[in-house]
């Protein structure tokens, strides 16, 4: 992995392949490897002729950690993504995010529309506008010493995921406290890039993909059949639809 410094964080990333660039932004408690390499996204996109860039978000993976919640607003995390494109001298790229990464991608499109050719928002639909339920229980689950005492099903799921990825749980608890800032419907209406919103039909976190796509000027919804929040990311039909979407919307460098 390579790294660069932005806003006091050393941020690790990969940069593989040739062709039009696509930036991948992973979800909460994940890493570039867990979200994009292991499920086959990097290989799929590279084989399709794309230059694939994927970072470990601040507080995650091999990037620097902070236990201060103010460091994890979507605006600041989106600024890392913009800075990475600048670091690589990439003026415009396709951008794909999953779950928290989808939220970061949307904030990137709002702050730097000139940098975003297209958006693929996975694992987060209308929840980006309306919220995704009570998440304080996840922060609590991340901080308890004994995971067997966790009673929340969602808390158990994310604690297990954080332990599997060997994450800094204090950094994640700080992140979950401030990274869930919502977009307004008016914000969504300002995102003009062609956007694919893909959510599993068994995902009880993300909210309706159609609901979000309808608010976007150039939004398209895709239902990932029979997949929940954790399993949808690697689904082969999701990959096929994403590739078709990218083919439909080639990068315009003007």
Protein backbone atom coordinates (compact mmCIF):
# COMPACT_ATOMS: atom_id res chain seq x y z
CA UNK A 1 0.00 0.00 0.00
CA UNK A 2 0.96 3.60 -0.55
CA UNK A 3 0.17 6.47 1.80
CA UNK A 4 -0.11 10.24 1.90
CA UNK A 5 -0.82 12.80 4.60
CA UNK A 6 -3.92 14.94 4.82
CA UNK A 7 -5.39 16.92 7.72
CA UNK A 8 -2.95 15.30 10.13
CA UNK A 9 -3.79 11.72 9.10
CA UNK A 10 -1.58 9.27 7.28
CA UNK A 11 -3.99 7.66 4.83
CA UNK A 12 -3.19 4.35 3.17
CA UNK A 13 -4.46 3.43 -0.28
CA UNK A 14 -4.00 1.17 -3.27
CA UNK A 15 -3.77 2.29 -6.89
CA UNK A 16 -3.98 -0.52 -9.44
CA UNK A 17 -4.64 -0.93 -13.14
CA UNK A 18 -4.88 1.32 -16.17
CA UNK A 19 -7.76 3.25 -17.67
CA UNK A 20 -10.40 5.60 -16.34
CA UNK A 21 -10.06 6.04 -12.56
CA UNK A 22 -12.63 4.80 -10.06
CA UNK A 23 -12.30 5.66 -6.38
CA UNK A 24 -13.70 3.14 -3.88
CA UNK A 25 -14.72 4.27 -0.38
CA UNK A 26 -15.45 1.54 2.16
CA UNK A 27 -18.00 1.30 4.92
CA UNK A 28 -17.94 1.66 8.69
CA UNK A 29 -15.62 -0.76 10.54
CA UNK A 30 -14.37 -2.10 7.23
CA UNK A 31 -11.18 -1.56 5.21
CA UNK A 32 -10.28 -1.27 1.56
CA UNK A 33 -9.35 -4.96 1.64
CA UNK A 34 -12.48 -6.27 3.37
CA UNK A 35 -14.88 -4.13 1.33
CA UNK A 36 -13.25 -4.16 -2.09
CA UNK A 37 -10.40 -6.64 -2.49
CA UNK A 38 -11.79 -9.74 -0.77
CA UNK A 39 -15.24 -9.56 -2.46
CA UNK A 40 -13.58 -9.25 -5.87
CA UNK A 41 -14.40 -5.65 -6.74
CA UNK A 42 -10.82 -4.57 -7.38
CA UNK A 43 -10.16 -7.49 -9.73
CA UNK A 44 -13.53 -7.08 -11.46
CA UNK A 45 -12.99 -3.38 -12.12
CA UNK A 46 -9.33 -3.74 -13.04
CA UNK A 47 -10.16 -6.54 -15.50
CA UNK A 48 -12.85 -4.29 -17.01
CA UNK A 49 -10.20 -1.70 -17.82
CA UNK A 50 -10.39 0.69 -14.89
CA UNK A 51 -7.70 2.24 -12.74
CA UNK A 52 -8.85 1.26 -9.25
CA UNK A 53 -8.04 3.45 -6.24
CA UNK A 54 -9.23 2.45 -2.77
CA UNK A 55 -8.30 4.02 0.55
CA UNK A 56 -8.55 3.04 4.19
CA UNK A 57 -10.69 5.80 5.69
CA UNK A 58 -9.27 7.69 8.66
CA UNK A 59 -9.79 5.59 11.80
CA UNK A 60 -9.80 2.37 9.78
CA UNK A 61 -7.36 -0.21 8.48
CA UNK A 62 -3.80 1.00 8.07
CA UNK A 63 -4.67 4.70 8.18
CA UNK A 64 -4.16 6.89 11.24
CA UNK A 65 -6.63 6.63 14.12
CA UNK A 66 -8.21 9.26 16.31
CA UNK A 67 -10.47 8.86 19.33
CA UNK A 68 -11.97 12.34 18.82
CA UNK A 69 -15.42 12.23 17.23
CA UNK A 70 -14.96 15.66 15.64
CA UNK A 71 -12.44 14.10 13.25
CA UNK A 72 -15.06 11.86 11.62
CA UNK A 73 -17.67 14.13 10.12
CA UNK A 74 -18.67 13.14 6.58
CA UNK A 75 -17.29 16.46 5.34
CA UNK A 76 -13.84 15.73 6.76
CA UNK A 77 -13.82 12.16 5.50
CA UNK A 78 -14.93 13.35 2.06
CA UNK A 79 -12.09 15.85 2.12
CA UNK A 80 -9.67 12.91 2.49
CA UNK A 81 -11.10 11.37 -0.68
CA UNK A 82 -10.78 14.67 -2.55
CA UNK A 83 -7.22 15.09 -1.31
CA UNK A 84 -6.34 11.58 -2.50
CA UNK A 85 -7.53 12.43 -6.01
CA UNK A 86 -5.46 15.62 -5.88
CA UNK A 87 -2.45 13.66 -4.58
CA UNK A 88 -2.73 11.36 -7.61
CA UNK A 89 -3.31 14.30 -9.97
CA UNK A 90 -6.74 12.94 -10.94
CA UNK A 91 -9.10 15.73 -11.93
CA UNK A 92 -12.25 13.59 -12.23
CA UNK A 93 -13.11 9.99 -11.33
CA UNK A 94 -15.98 7.58 -10.98
CA UNK A 95 -16.73 7.21 -7.25
CA UNK A 96 -18.22 4.20 -5.50
CA UNK A 97 -19.01 3.91 -1.82
CA UNK A 98 -20.67 1.31 0.37
CA UNK A 99 -22.74 2.14 3.47
CA UNK A 100 -20.81 4.86 5.33
CA UNK A 101 -18.69 5.07 2.19
CA UNK A 102 -21.81 5.89 0.19
CA UNK A 103 -22.53 8.77 2.56
CA UNK A 104 -18.94 10.01 2.23
CA UNK A 105 -19.25 9.74 -1.56
CA UNK A 106 -22.40 11.86 -1.54
CA UNK A 107 -20.71 14.53 0.57
CA UNK A 108 -17.75 14.41 -1.85
CA UNK A 109 -20.13 15.02 -4.76
CA UNK A 110 -21.67 17.98 -2.93
CA UNK A 111 -18.34 19.57 -2.02
CA UNK A 112 -16.49 18.79 -5.25
CA UNK A 113 -18.94 18.07 -8.06
CA UNK A 114 -16.21 18.74 -10.61
CA UNK A 115 -14.28 15.71 -9.34
CA UNK A 116 -17.15 13.19 -9.53
CA UNK A 117 -18.02 11.72 -12.93
CA UNK A 118 -20.53 9.18 -11.64
CA UNK A 119 -21.62 7.80 -8.28
CA UNK A 120 -22.39 4.24 -7.23
CA UNK A 121 -23.98 4.25 -3.78
CA UNK A 122 -24.22 0.78 -2.29
CA UNK A 123 -25.78 -0.25 1.01
CA UNK A 124 -27.43 3.11 1.69
CA UNK A 125 -30.69 4.33 0.21
CA UNK A 126 -33.26 6.69 1.68
CA UNK A 127 -31.58 6.18 5.06
CA UNK A 128 -29.08 8.75 3.83
CA UNK A 129 -31.92 11.29 4.16
CA UNK A 130 -34.17 9.84 6.86
CA UNK A 131 -31.60 8.13 9.07
CA UNK A 132 -30.81 4.49 9.68
CA UNK A 133 -32.14 3.91 13.17
CA UNK A 134 -30.56 3.92 16.60
CA UNK A 135 -26.79 3.48 16.47
CA UNK A 136 -25.77 4.42 20.01
CA UNK A 137 -26.10 0.72 20.80
CA UNK A 138 -23.31 0.04 18.29
CA UNK A 139 -20.96 2.49 19.99
CA UNK A 140 -21.74 0.83 23.32
CA UNK A 141 -21.14 -2.62 21.85
CA UNK A 142 -17.78 -1.52 20.48
CA UNK A 143 -16.61 -0.29 23.88
CA UNK A 144 -17.67 -3.08 26.25
CA UNK A 145 -14.89 -5.38 27.38
CA UNK A 146 -16.95 -8.56 27.18
CA UNK A 147 -18.82 -9.02 23.87
CA UNK A 148 -20.97 -11.73 25.46
CA UNK A 149 -22.78 -9.00 27.41
CA UNK A 150 -24.07 -7.30 24.23
CA UNK A 151 -27.84 -7.71 23.95
CA UNK A 152 -28.42 -5.66 20.79
CA UNK A 153 -28.45 -7.79 17.64
CA UNK A 154 -27.09 -4.94 15.53
CA UNK A 155 -24.49 -4.22 18.19
CA UNK A 156 -23.40 -7.86 18.18
CA UNK A 157 -23.10 -7.80 14.38
CA UNK A 158 -20.85 -4.76 14.26
CA UNK A 159 -18.78 -5.79 17.29
CA UNK A 160 -18.10 -9.15 15.65
CA UNK A 161 -17.22 -7.39 12.39
CA UNK A 162 -14.87 -4.96 14.20
CA UNK A 163 -13.13 -7.83 15.98
CA UNK A 164 -12.78 -9.77 12.73
CA UNK A 165 -11.13 -6.79 11.04
CA UNK A 166 -8.92 -6.19 14.12
CA UNK A 167 -10.12 -2.61 14.28
CA UNK A 168 -9.38 0.09 16.84
CA UNK A 169 -12.75 -0.07 18.58
CA UNK A 170 -12.35 3.29 20.35
CA UNK A 171 -11.71 4.96 16.98
CA UNK A 172 -14.79 3.28 15.55
CA UNK A 173 -16.94 4.37 18.49
CA UNK A 174 -15.79 7.96 17.91
CA UNK A 175 -16.50 7.59 14.20
CA UNK A 176 -20.01 6.23 14.63
CA UNK A 177 -20.88 9.19 16.86
CA UNK A 178 -20.34 11.85 14.17
CA UNK A 179 -20.19 10.19 10.74
CA UNK A 180 -23.97 9.71 10.39
CA UNK A 181 -24.86 13.28 9.48
CA UNK A 182 -27.85 13.25 7.16
CA UNK A 183 -28.32 14.82 3.77
CA UNK A 184 -31.46 16.83 3.13
CA UNK A 185 -33.71 16.27 0.14
CA UNK A 186 -32.41 19.62 -1.09
CA UNK A 187 -28.83 18.33 -0.84
CA UNK A 188 -29.77 15.25 -2.86
CA UNK A 189 -31.29 17.45 -5.56
CA UNK A 190 -27.91 19.15 -5.97
CA UNK A 191 -26.10 15.90 -6.80
CA UNK A 192 -26.30 15.95 -10.57
CA UNK A 193 -23.82 13.19 -11.42
CA UNK A 194 -25.39 10.00 -12.83
CA UNK A 195 -25.95 7.85 -9.74
CA UNK A 196 -26.72 4.17 -9.18
CA UNK A 197 -28.26 3.37 -5.78
CA UNK A 198 -27.97 -0.35 -4.95
CA UNK A 199 -29.41 -1.94 -1.79
CA UNK A 200 -30.08 -5.54 -0.77
CA UNK A 201 -33.72 -6.55 -0.54
CA UNK A 202 -33.03 -7.98 2.94
CA UNK A 203 -31.06 -4.94 4.13
CA UNK A 204 -32.79 -3.55 7.24
CA UNK A 205 -30.31 -0.69 7.62
CA UNK A 206 -30.06 1.15 4.31
CA UNK A 207 -33.57 2.30 3.50
CA UNK A 208 -35.24 2.27 0.09
CA UNK A 209 -32.95 2.59 -2.95
CA UNK A 210 -35.88 3.86 -5.01
CA UNK A 211 -36.64 6.51 -2.41
CA UNK A 212 -33.15 7.99 -2.67
CA UNK A 213 -32.87 7.56 -6.44
CA UNK A 214 -36.13 9.50 -6.87
CA UNK A 215 -34.60 12.50 -5.08
CA UNK A 216 -31.52 12.54 -7.31
CA UNK A 217 -31.73 14.35 -10.65
CA UNK A 218 -30.00 11.45 -12.40
CA UNK A 219 -30.62 8.57 -9.99
CA UNK A 220 -31.27 4.92 -10.81
CA UNK A 221 -32.21 2.26 -8.25
CA UNK A 222 -31.09 -1.38 -8.23
CA UNK A 223 -32.39 -4.04 -5.84
CA UNK A 224 -29.79 -6.65 -4.88
CA UNK A 225 -32.07 -9.65 -4.49
CA UNK A 226 -32.01 -11.78 -1.33
CA UNK A 227 -29.02 -9.97 0.19
CA UNK A 228 -28.71 -8.26 3.57
CA UNK A 229 -26.40 -5.36 4.47
CA UNK A 230 -23.31 -7.51 4.96
CA UNK A 231 -23.74 -9.84 2.00
CA UNK A 232 -24.92 -7.40 -0.67
CA UNK A 233 -21.51 -5.84 -1.21
CA UNK A 234 -20.01 -8.87 -2.95
CA UNK A 235 -23.07 -9.92 -4.92
CA UNK A 236 -22.38 -10.84 -8.55
CA UNK A 237 -25.55 -9.14 -9.81
CA UNK A 238 -24.43 -5.93 -8.11
CA UNK A 239 -21.07 -6.18 -9.88
CA UNK A 240 -22.74 -6.80 -13.24
CA UNK A 241 -25.12 -3.86 -12.80
CA UNK A 242 -22.29 -1.56 -11.69
CA UNK A 243 -20.20 -2.46 -14.74
CA UNK A 244 -23.18 -1.87 -17.02
CA UNK A 245 -23.81 1.50 -15.34
CA UNK A 246 -20.18 2.54 -15.83
CA UNK A 247 -20.35 1.49 -19.47
CA UNK A 248 -23.52 3.56 -19.88
CA UNK A 249 -21.77 6.62 -18.38
CA UNK A 250 -18.16 6.84 -19.60
CA UNK A 251 -15.94 9.37 -17.92
CA UNK A 252 -16.15 12.81 -19.50
CA UNK A 253 -12.92 14.68 -18.86
CA UNK A 254 -14.28 18.07 -19.92
